[in-house]
């Protein structure tokens, strides 16, 4: 584990270094004066359903099908007759 000594500036900010620029971190306050920072990625609430294992499996299956079945031109008359029957 590497320890760093940093100062909090007048705006309440700490600089961690350029390698972390633009990254998202979770800051957990363990107790007063003690924080834990974890580098991570943010998942919007509207996209969390994609993390469900069933959905993930269905998406993997759909991607595999699409990779093995390239698009092809359809005959509109054939499609119309299939819909009617």
Protein backbone atom coordinates (compact mmCIF):
# COMPACT_ATOMS: atom_id res chain seq x y z
CA UNK A 1 0.00 0.00 0.00
CA UNK A 2 1.29 3.46 -0.93
CA UNK A 3 0.60 6.42 1.34
CA UNK A 4 0.41 10.01 0.08
CA UNK A 5 0.39 13.18 2.08
CA UNK A 6 -1.91 15.78 0.48
CA UNK A 7 -3.35 19.12 1.57
CA UNK A 8 -6.98 20.11 1.12
CA UNK A 9 -7.12 23.47 -0.70
CA UNK A 10 -9.36 26.42 0.11
CA UNK A 11 -12.08 25.01 -2.15
CA UNK A 12 -12.10 21.71 -0.23
CA UNK A 13 -10.37 19.82 -3.04
CA UNK A 14 -7.53 17.30 -3.10
CA UNK A 15 -5.48 16.58 -6.22
CA UNK A 16 -4.66 12.90 -6.72
CA UNK A 17 -2.62 13.23 -9.92
CA UNK A 18 -3.11 13.41 -13.68
CA UNK A 19 -3.56 9.63 -14.01
CA UNK A 20 -6.92 10.00 -12.24
CA UNK A 21 -8.14 13.03 -14.23
CA UNK A 22 -11.70 12.46 -15.44
CA UNK A 23 -12.13 9.23 -13.46
CA UNK A 24 -15.03 8.55 -11.10
CA UNK A 25 -14.34 7.67 -7.49
CA UNK A 26 -16.59 6.60 -4.67
CA UNK A 27 -15.77 8.33 -1.41
CA UNK A 28 -16.91 6.54 1.72
CA UNK A 29 -16.61 8.26 5.08
CA UNK A 30 -15.65 5.51 7.52
CA UNK A 31 -15.75 7.84 10.52
CA UNK A 32 -14.99 11.51 11.15
CA UNK A 33 -11.72 12.32 9.41
CA UNK A 34 -11.37 8.89 7.76
CA UNK A 35 -12.31 8.36 4.11
CA UNK A 36 -11.89 5.50 1.69
CA UNK A 37 -11.64 6.28 -2.04
CA UNK A 38 -12.41 3.59 -4.62
CA UNK A 39 -11.91 4.04 -8.35
CA UNK A 40 -14.96 2.84 -10.27
CA UNK A 41 -17.55 3.41 -12.96
CA UNK A 42 -20.95 4.98 -12.62
CA UNK A 43 -24.03 3.14 -13.90
CA UNK A 44 -27.05 5.40 -14.46
CA UNK A 45 -30.24 4.22 -12.73
CA UNK A 46 -31.98 3.96 -16.13
CA UNK A 47 -29.34 1.43 -17.28
CA UNK A 48 -29.03 -0.75 -14.17
CA UNK A 49 -31.47 -3.29 -15.63
CA UNK A 50 -28.71 -4.21 -18.09
CA UNK A 51 -26.66 -5.59 -15.17
CA UNK A 52 -29.28 -8.25 -14.36
CA UNK A 53 -27.82 -11.72 -15.10
CA UNK A 54 -30.91 -12.84 -17.10
CA UNK A 55 -30.83 -9.69 -19.23
CA UNK A 56 -27.08 -10.01 -19.68
CA UNK A 57 -27.49 -13.60 -20.90
CA UNK A 58 -30.26 -12.58 -23.30
CA UNK A 59 -28.11 -9.76 -24.68
CA UNK A 60 -25.13 -12.10 -25.14
CA UNK A 61 -27.40 -14.52 -27.02
CA UNK A 62 -28.77 -11.73 -29.23
CA UNK A 63 -25.30 -10.44 -30.06
CA UNK A 64 -24.13 -13.96 -30.93
CA UNK A 65 -27.18 -14.45 -33.20
CA UNK A 66 -26.54 -11.11 -34.93
CA UNK A 67 -22.88 -11.99 -35.51
CA UNK A 68 -23.87 -15.34 -37.10
CA UNK A 69 -26.81 -13.97 -39.13
CA UNK A 70 -25.76 -11.00 -41.22
CA UNK A 71 -28.50 -8.69 -42.51
CA UNK A 72 -30.03 -9.59 -45.86
CA UNK A 73 -32.57 -8.00 -48.14
CA UNK A 74 -36.20 -8.97 -47.48
CA UNK A 75 -38.96 -9.54 -49.99
CA UNK A 76 -41.85 -7.35 -48.85
CA UNK A 77 -44.44 -9.53 -50.63
CA UNK A 78 -43.25 -12.67 -48.81
CA UNK A 79 -43.32 -10.87 -45.46
CA UNK A 80 -46.84 -9.57 -46.14
CA UNK A 81 -48.13 -13.03 -46.97
CA UNK A 82 -46.53 -14.47 -43.81
CA UNK A 83 -48.22 -11.80 -41.69
CA UNK A 84 -51.64 -12.49 -43.25
CA UNK A 85 -51.46 -16.25 -42.68
